[in-house]
Amino acid sequence: MALKLHVPTLNSSDDAENIKQTILTHEPDAHIDIDLDQKTITIEAKASEETFKQAVTAAGYEISGY
């Protein structure tokens, strides 16, 4: 099941790469799709939703509704 997060502070390709690397640190086999225009991240992985939300916020990014 894919997890879709809205990240309003996702503003550049550098932000996208930073978030991607953060996620891959926690789940190396994750499939990640980042849409800069929509400011969304879609993650397909085994780890829990909470794991990814915590990782993204710890990296300094805001998640809508979290």
PDB file of N, CA and C in Angstrom:
ATOM      1  N   MET A   1       0.830  -1.182   0.000  1.00  0.00           N
ATOM      2  CA  MET A   1       0.000   0.000   0.000  1.00  0.00           C
ATOM      3  C   MET A   1       0.874   1.244   0.000  1.00  0.00           C
ATOM      4  N   ALA A   2       0.519   2.205  -0.822  1.00  0.00           N
ATOM      5  CA  ALA A   2       1.306   3.429  -0.940  1.00  0.00           C
ATOM      6  C   ALA A   2       0.851   4.454   0.091  1.00  0.00           C
ATOM      7  N   LEU A   3       1.821   5.146   0.621  1.00  0.00           N
ATOM      8  CA  LEU A   3       1.577   6.226   1.558  1.00  0.00           C
ATOM      9  C   LEU A   3       1.828   7.533   0.821  1.00  0.00           C
ATOM     10  N   LYS A   4       0.866   8.448   0.871  1.00  0.00           N
ATOM     11  CA  LYS A   4       1.018   9.731   0.203  1.00  0.00           C
ATOM     12  C   LYS A   4       1.037  10.832   1.251  1.00  0.00           C
ATOM     13  N   LEU A   5       2.096  11.627   1.237  1.00  0.00           N
ATOM     14  CA  LEU A   5       2.262  12.719   2.186  1.00  0.00           C
ATOM     15  C   LEU A   5       2.300  14.046   1.446  1.00  0.00           C
ATOM     16  N   HIS A   6       1.614  15.049   1.992  1.00  0.00           N
ATOM     17  CA  HIS A   6       1.693  16.400   1.439  1.00  0.00           C
ATOM     18  C   HIS A   6       2.701  17.169   2.289  1.00  0.00           C
ATOM     19  N   VAL A   7       3.741  17.684   1.624  1.00  0.00           N
ATOM     20  CA  VAL A   7       4.834  18.372   2.317  1.00  0.00           C
ATOM     21  C   VAL A   7       4.918  19.803   1.784  1.00  0.00           C
ATOM     22  N   PRO A   8       4.221  20.749   2.444  1.00  0.00           N
ATOM     23  CA  PRO A   8       4.190  22.125   1.936  1.00  0.00           C
ATOM     24  C   PRO A   8       5.553  22.811   1.903  1.00  0.00           C
ATOM     25  N   THR A   9       6.517  22.297   2.654  1.00  0.00           N
ATOM     26  CA  THR A   9       7.848  22.900   2.669  1.00  0.00           C
ATOM     27  C   THR A   9       8.789  22.267   1.644  1.00  0.00           C
ATOM     28  N   LEU A  10       8.248  21.464   0.744  1.00  0.00           N
ATOM     29  CA  LEU A  10       9.016  20.848  -0.343  1.00  0.00           C
ATOM     30  C   LEU A  10       9.086  21.854  -1.492  1.00  0.00           C
ATOM     31  N   ASN A  11      10.222  22.542  -1.598  1.00  0.00           N
ATOM     32  CA  ASN A  11      10.310  23.673  -2.526  1.00  0.00           C
ATOM     33  C   ASN A  11      11.310  23.515  -3.667  1.00  0.00           C
ATOM     34  N   SER A  12      12.174  22.527  -3.602  1.00  0.00           N
ATOM     35  CA  SER A  12      13.213  22.433  -4.631  1.00  0.00           C
ATOM     36  C   SER A  12      13.634  20.981  -4.842  1.00  0.00           C
ATOM     37  N   SER A  13      14.411  20.766  -5.891  1.00  0.00           N
ATOM     38  CA  SER A  13      14.914  19.418  -6.146  1.00  0.00           C
ATOM     39  C   SER A  13      15.899  19.009  -5.053  1.00  0.00           C
ATOM     40  N   ASP A  14      16.583  19.981  -4.440  1.00  0.00           N
ATOM     41  CA  ASP A  14      17.474  19.660  -3.316  1.00  0.00           C
ATOM     42  C   ASP A  14      16.668  19.138  -2.131  1.00  0.00           C
ATOM     43  N   ASP A  15      15.527  19.779  -1.855  1.00  0.00           N
ATOM     44  CA  ASP A  15      14.639  19.297  -0.795  1.00  0.00           C
ATOM     45  C   ASP A  15      14.182  17.875  -1.106  1.00  0.00           C
ATOM     46  N   ALA A  16      13.783  17.647  -2.349  1.00  0.00           N
ATOM     47  CA  ALA A  16      13.300  16.327  -2.757  1.00  0.00           C
ATOM     48  C   ALA A  16      14.374  15.268  -2.553  1.00  0.00           C
ATOM     49  N   GLU A  17      15.590  15.568  -2.944  1.00  0.00           N
ATOM     50  CA  GLU A  17      16.686  14.605  -2.793  1.00  0.00           C
ATOM     51  C   GLU A  17      16.990  14.352  -1.316  1.00  0.00           C
ATOM     52  N   ASN A  18      16.953  15.400  -0.517  1.00  0.00           N
ATOM     53  CA  ASN A  18      17.205  15.259   0.913  1.00  0.00           C
ATOM     54  C   ASN A  18      16.152  14.358   1.560  1.00  0.00           C
ATOM     55  N   ILE A  19      14.892  14.582   1.217  1.00  0.00           N
ATOM     56  CA  ILE A  19      13.814  13.753   1.761  1.00  0.00           C
ATOM     57  C   ILE A  19      13.955  12.313   1.275  1.00  0.00           C
ATOM     58  N   LYS A  20      14.258  12.140   0.014  1.00  0.00           N
ATOM     59  CA  LYS A  20      14.420  10.788  -0.546  1.00  0.00           C
ATOM     60  C   LYS A  20      15.519  10.028   0.196  1.00  0.00           C
ATOM     61  N   GLN A  21      16.663  10.675   0.415  1.00  0.00           N
ATOM     62  CA  GLN A  21      17.758  10.010   1.112  1.00  0.00           C
ATOM     63  C   GLN A  21      17.394   9.699   2.561  1.00  0.00           C
ATOM     64  N   THR A  22      16.646  10.592   3.185  1.00  0.00           N
ATOM     65  CA  THR A  22      16.191  10.363   4.556  1.00  0.00           C
ATOM     66  C   THR A  22      15.306   9.116   4.618  1.00  0.00           C
ATOM     67  N   ILE A  23      14.381   9.008   3.682  1.00  0.00           N
ATOM     68  CA  ILE A  23      13.481   7.849   3.641  1.00  0.00           C
ATOM     69  C   ILE A  23      14.264   6.572   3.378  1.00  0.00           C
ATOM     70  N   LEU A  24      15.196   6.621   2.432  1.00  0.00           N
ATOM     71  CA  LEU A  24      15.976   5.437   2.082  1.00  0.00           C
ATOM     72  C   LEU A  24      16.870   4.974   3.227  1.00  0.00           C
ATOM     73  N   THR A  25      17.241   5.881   4.110  1.00  0.00           N
ATOM     74  CA  THR A  25      18.013   5.508   5.290  1.00  0.00           C
ATOM     75  C   THR A  25      17.200   4.575   6.189  1.00  0.00           C
ATOM     76  N   HIS A  26      15.907   4.839   6.267  1.00  0.00           N
ATOM     77  CA  HIS A  26      15.026   4.034   7.109  1.00  0.00           C
ATOM     78  C   HIS A  26      14.503   2.798   6.392  1.00  0.00           C
ATOM     79  N   GLU A  27      14.365   2.872   5.085  1.00  0.00           N
ATOM     80  CA  GLU A  27      13.810   1.767   4.296  1.00  0.00           C
ATOM     81  C   GLU A  27      14.528   1.726   2.943  1.00  0.00           C
ATOM     82  N   PRO A  28      15.680   1.049   2.879  1.00  0.00           N
ATOM     83  CA  PRO A  28      16.494   1.043   1.653  1.00  0.00           C
ATOM     84  C   PRO A  28      15.780   0.529   0.400  1.00  0.00           C
ATOM     85  N   ASP A  29      14.763  -0.301   0.571  1.00  0.00           N
ATOM     86  CA  ASP A  29      14.050  -0.866  -0.577  1.00  0.00           C
ATOM     87  C   ASP A  29      12.793  -0.078  -0.953  1.00  0.00           C
ATOM     88  N   ALA A  30      12.598   1.071  -0.344  1.00  0.00           N
ATOM     89  CA  ALA A  30      11.388   1.865  -0.600  1.00  0.00           C
ATOM     90  C   ALA A  30      11.359   2.383  -2.034  1.00  0.00           C
ATOM     91  N   HIS A  31      10.158   2.429  -2.586  1.00  0.00           N
ATOM     92  CA  HIS A  31       9.929   3.069  -3.884  1.00  0.00           C
ATOM     93  C   HIS A  31       9.330   4.440  -3.574  1.00  0.00           C
ATOM     94  N   ILE A  32       9.988   5.489  -4.063  1.00  0.00           N
ATOM     95  CA  ILE A  32       9.597   6.852  -3.707  1.00  0.00           C
ATOM     96  C   ILE A  32       9.326   7.661  -4.967  1.00  0.00           C
ATOM     97  N   ASP A  33       8.179   8.325  -4.990  1.00  0.00           N
ATOM     98  CA  ASP A  33       7.825   9.220  -6.089  1.00  0.00           C
ATOM     99  C   ASP A  33       7.562  10.595  -5.485  1.00  0.00           C
ATOM    100  N   ILE A  34       8.304  11.591  -5.965  1.00  0.00           N
ATOM    101  CA  ILE A  34       8.162  12.949  -5.441  1.00  0.00           C
ATOM    102  C   ILE A  34       7.653  13.864  -6.538  1.00  0.00           C
ATOM    103  N   ASP A  35       6.574  14.568  -6.240  1.00  0.00           N
ATOM    104  CA  ASP A  35       5.966  15.522  -7.177  1.00  0.00           C
ATOM    105  C   ASP A  35       6.156  16.928  -6.603  1.00  0.00           C
ATOM    106  N   LEU A  36       7.134  17.653  -7.156  1.00  0.00           N
ATOM    107  CA  LEU A  36       7.430  19.000  -6.654  1.00  0.00           C
ATOM    108  C   LEU A  36       6.273  19.968  -6.885  1.00  0.00           C
ATOM    109  N   ASP A  37       5.588  19.857  -8.012  1.00  0.00           N
ATOM    110  CA  ASP A  37       4.480  20.768  -8.313  1.00  0.00           C
ATOM    111  C   ASP A  37       3.346  20.629  -7.303  1.00  0.00           C
ATOM    112  N   GLN A  38       3.015  19.390  -6.942  1.00  0.00           N
ATOM    113  CA  GLN A  38       1.937  19.128  -5.989  1.00  0.00           C
ATOM    114  C   GLN A  38       2.430  19.103  -4.542  1.00  0.00           C
ATOM    115  N   LYS A  39       3.768  19.096  -4.387  1.00  0.00           N
ATOM    116  CA  LYS A  39       4.409  19.019  -3.058  1.00  0.00           C
ATOM    117  C   LYS A  39       3.984  17.749  -2.320  1.00  0.00           C
ATOM    118  N   THR A  40       4.018  16.630  -3.052  1.00  0.00           N
ATOM    119  CA  THR A  40       3.647  15.351  -2.465  1.00  0.00           C
ATOM    120  C   THR A  40       4.770  14.328  -2.603  1.00  0.00           C
ATOM    121  N   ILE A  41       4.767  13.408  -1.662  1.00  0.00           N
ATOM    122  CA  ILE A  41       5.691  12.279  -1.681  1.00  0.00           C
ATOM    123  C   ILE A  41       4.836  11.026  -1.565  1.00  0.00           C
ATOM    124  N   THR A  42       5.043  10.087  -2.477  1.00  0.00           N
ATOM    125  CA  THR A  42       4.360   8.803  -2.413  1.00  0.00           C
ATOM    126  C   THR A  42       5.422   7.747  -2.130  1.00  0.00           C
ATOM    127  N   ILE A  43       5.181   6.975  -1.087  1.00  0.00           N
ATOM    128  CA  ILE A  43       6.154   5.980  -0.644  1.00  0.00           C
ATOM    129  C   ILE A  43       5.497   4.607  -0.636  1.00  0.00           C
ATOM    130  N   GLU A  44       6.172   3.646  -1.243  1.00  0.00           N
ATOM    131  CA  GLU A  44       5.748   2.245  -1.161  1.00  0.00           C
ATOM    132  C   GLU A  44       6.864   1.505  -0.441  1.00  0.00           C
ATOM    133  N   ALA A  45       6.561   1.031   0.775  1.00  0.00           N
ATOM    134  CA  ALA A  45       7.573   0.372   1.589  1.00  0.00           C
ATOM    135  C   ALA A  45       6.907  -0.430   2.697  1.00  0.00           C
ATOM    136  N   LYS A  46       7.729  -1.173   3.424  1.00  0.00           N
ATOM    137  CA  LYS A  46       7.221  -2.030   4.493  1.00  0.00           C
ATOM    138  C   LYS A  46       7.114  -1.310   5.830  1.00  0.00           C
ATOM    139  N   ALA A  47       7.933  -0.298   6.045  1.00  0.00           N
ATOM    140  CA  ALA A  47       7.924   0.405   7.333  1.00  0.00           C
ATOM    141  C   ALA A  47       6.597   1.142   7.522  1.00  0.00           C
ATOM    142  N   SER A  48       6.309   1.487   8.751  1.00  0.00           N
ATOM    143  CA  SER A  48       5.028   2.115   9.080  1.00  0.00           C
ATOM    144  C   SER A  48       4.960   3.567   8.622  1.00  0.00           C
ATOM    145  N   GLU A  49       3.736   4.031   8.471  1.00  0.00           N
ATOM    146  CA  GLU A  49       3.488   5.431   8.115  1.00  0.00           C
ATOM    147  C   GLU A  49       4.150   6.352   9.135  1.00  0.00           C
ATOM    148  N   GLU A  50       4.033   6.031  10.391  1.00  0.00           N
ATOM    149  CA  GLU A  50       4.598   6.855  11.459  1.00  0.00           C
ATOM    150  C   GLU A  50       6.119   6.975  11.325  1.00  0.00           C
ATOM    151  N   THR A  51       6.774   5.898  10.921  1.00  0.00           N
ATOM    152  CA  THR A  51       8.226   5.908  10.733  1.00  0.00           C
ATOM    153  C   THR A  51       8.614   6.970   9.714  1.00  0.00           C
ATOM    154  N   PHE A  52       7.905   7.003   8.592  1.00  0.00           N
ATOM    155  CA  PHE A  52       8.240   7.965   7.544  1.00  0.00           C
ATOM    156  C   PHE A  52       7.881   9.383   7.934  1.00  0.00           C
ATOM    157  N   LYS A  53       6.758   9.561   8.591  1.00  0.00           N
ATOM    158  CA  LYS A  53       6.372  10.905   9.042  1.00  0.00           C
ATOM    159  C   LYS A  53       7.401  11.462  10.010  1.00  0.00           C
ATOM    160  N   GLN A  54       7.849  10.636  10.933  1.00  0.00           N
ATOM    161  CA  GLN A  54       8.859  11.086  11.889  1.00  0.00           C
ATOM    162  C   GLN A  54      10.179  11.402  11.199  1.00  0.00           C
ATOM    163  N   ALA A  55      10.564  10.588  10.242  1.00  0.00           N
ATOM    164  CA  ALA A  55      11.827  10.810   9.529  1.00  0.00           C
ATOM    165  C   ALA A  55      11.798  12.124   8.738  1.00  0.00           C
ATOM    166  N   VAL A  56      10.698  12.359   8.046  1.00  0.00           N
ATOM    167  CA  VAL A  56      10.579  13.576   7.228  1.00  0.00           C
ATOM    168  C   VAL A  56      10.548  14.819   8.116  1.00  0.00           C
ATOM    169  N   THR A  57       9.809  14.775   9.206  1.00  0.00           N
ATOM    170  CA  THR A  57       9.762  15.937  10.096  1.00  0.00           C
ATOM    171  C   THR A  57      11.096  16.138  10.809  1.00  0.00           C
ATOM    172  N   ALA A  58      11.774  15.065  11.160  1.00  0.00           N
ATOM    173  CA  ALA A  58      13.087  15.183  11.792  1.00  0.00           C
ATOM    174  C   ALA A  58      14.115  15.808  10.848  1.00  0.00           C
ATOM    175  N   ALA A  59      13.904  15.634   9.549  1.00  0.00           N
ATOM    176  CA  ALA A  59      14.795  16.224   8.554  1.00  0.00           C
ATOM    177  C   ALA A  59      14.494  17.708   8.342  1.00  0.00           C
ATOM    178  N   GLY A  60      13.446  18.214   9.017  1.00  0.00           N
ATOM    179  CA  GLY A  60      13.161  19.638   8.969  1.00  0.00           C
ATOM    180  C   GLY A  60      12.022  20.046   8.053  1.00  0.00           C
ATOM    181  N   TYR A  61      11.210  19.074   7.616  1.00  0.00           N
ATOM    182  CA  TYR A  61      10.119  19.367   6.706  1.00  0.00           C
ATOM    183  C   TYR A  61       8.779  19.194   7.401  1.00  0.00           C
ATOM    184  N   GLU A  62       7.809  19.987   6.988  1.00  0.00           N
ATOM    185  CA  GLU A  62       6.473  19.937   7.561  1.00  0.00           C
ATOM    186  C   GLU A  62       5.592  19.007   6.731  1.00  0.00           C
ATOM    187  N   ILE A  63       4.756  18.230   7.404  1.00  0.00           N
ATOM    188  CA  ILE A  63       3.786  17.381   6.731  1.00  0.00           C
ATOM    189  C   ILE A  63       2.400  17.898   7.097  1.00  0.00           C
ATOM    190  N   SER A  64       1.560  18.141   6.097  1.00  0.00           N
ATOM    191  CA  SER A  64       0.196  18.619   6.356  1.00  0.00           C
ATOM    192  C   SER A  64      -0.546  17.621   7.235  1.00  0.00           C
ATOM    193  N   GLY A  65      -1.192  18.147   8.275  1.00  0.00           N
ATOM    194  CA  GLY A  65      -1.989  17.305   9.143  1.00  0.00           C
ATOM    195  C   GLY A  65      -1.206  16.472  10.134  1.00  0.00           C
ATOM    196  N   TYR A  66       0.086  16.746  10.268  1.00  0.00           N
ATOM    197  CA  TYR A  66       0.905  15.958  11.215  1.00  0.00           C
ATOM    198  C   TYR A  66       1.576  16.875  12.195  1.00  0.00           C
TER     199      TYR A  66
END
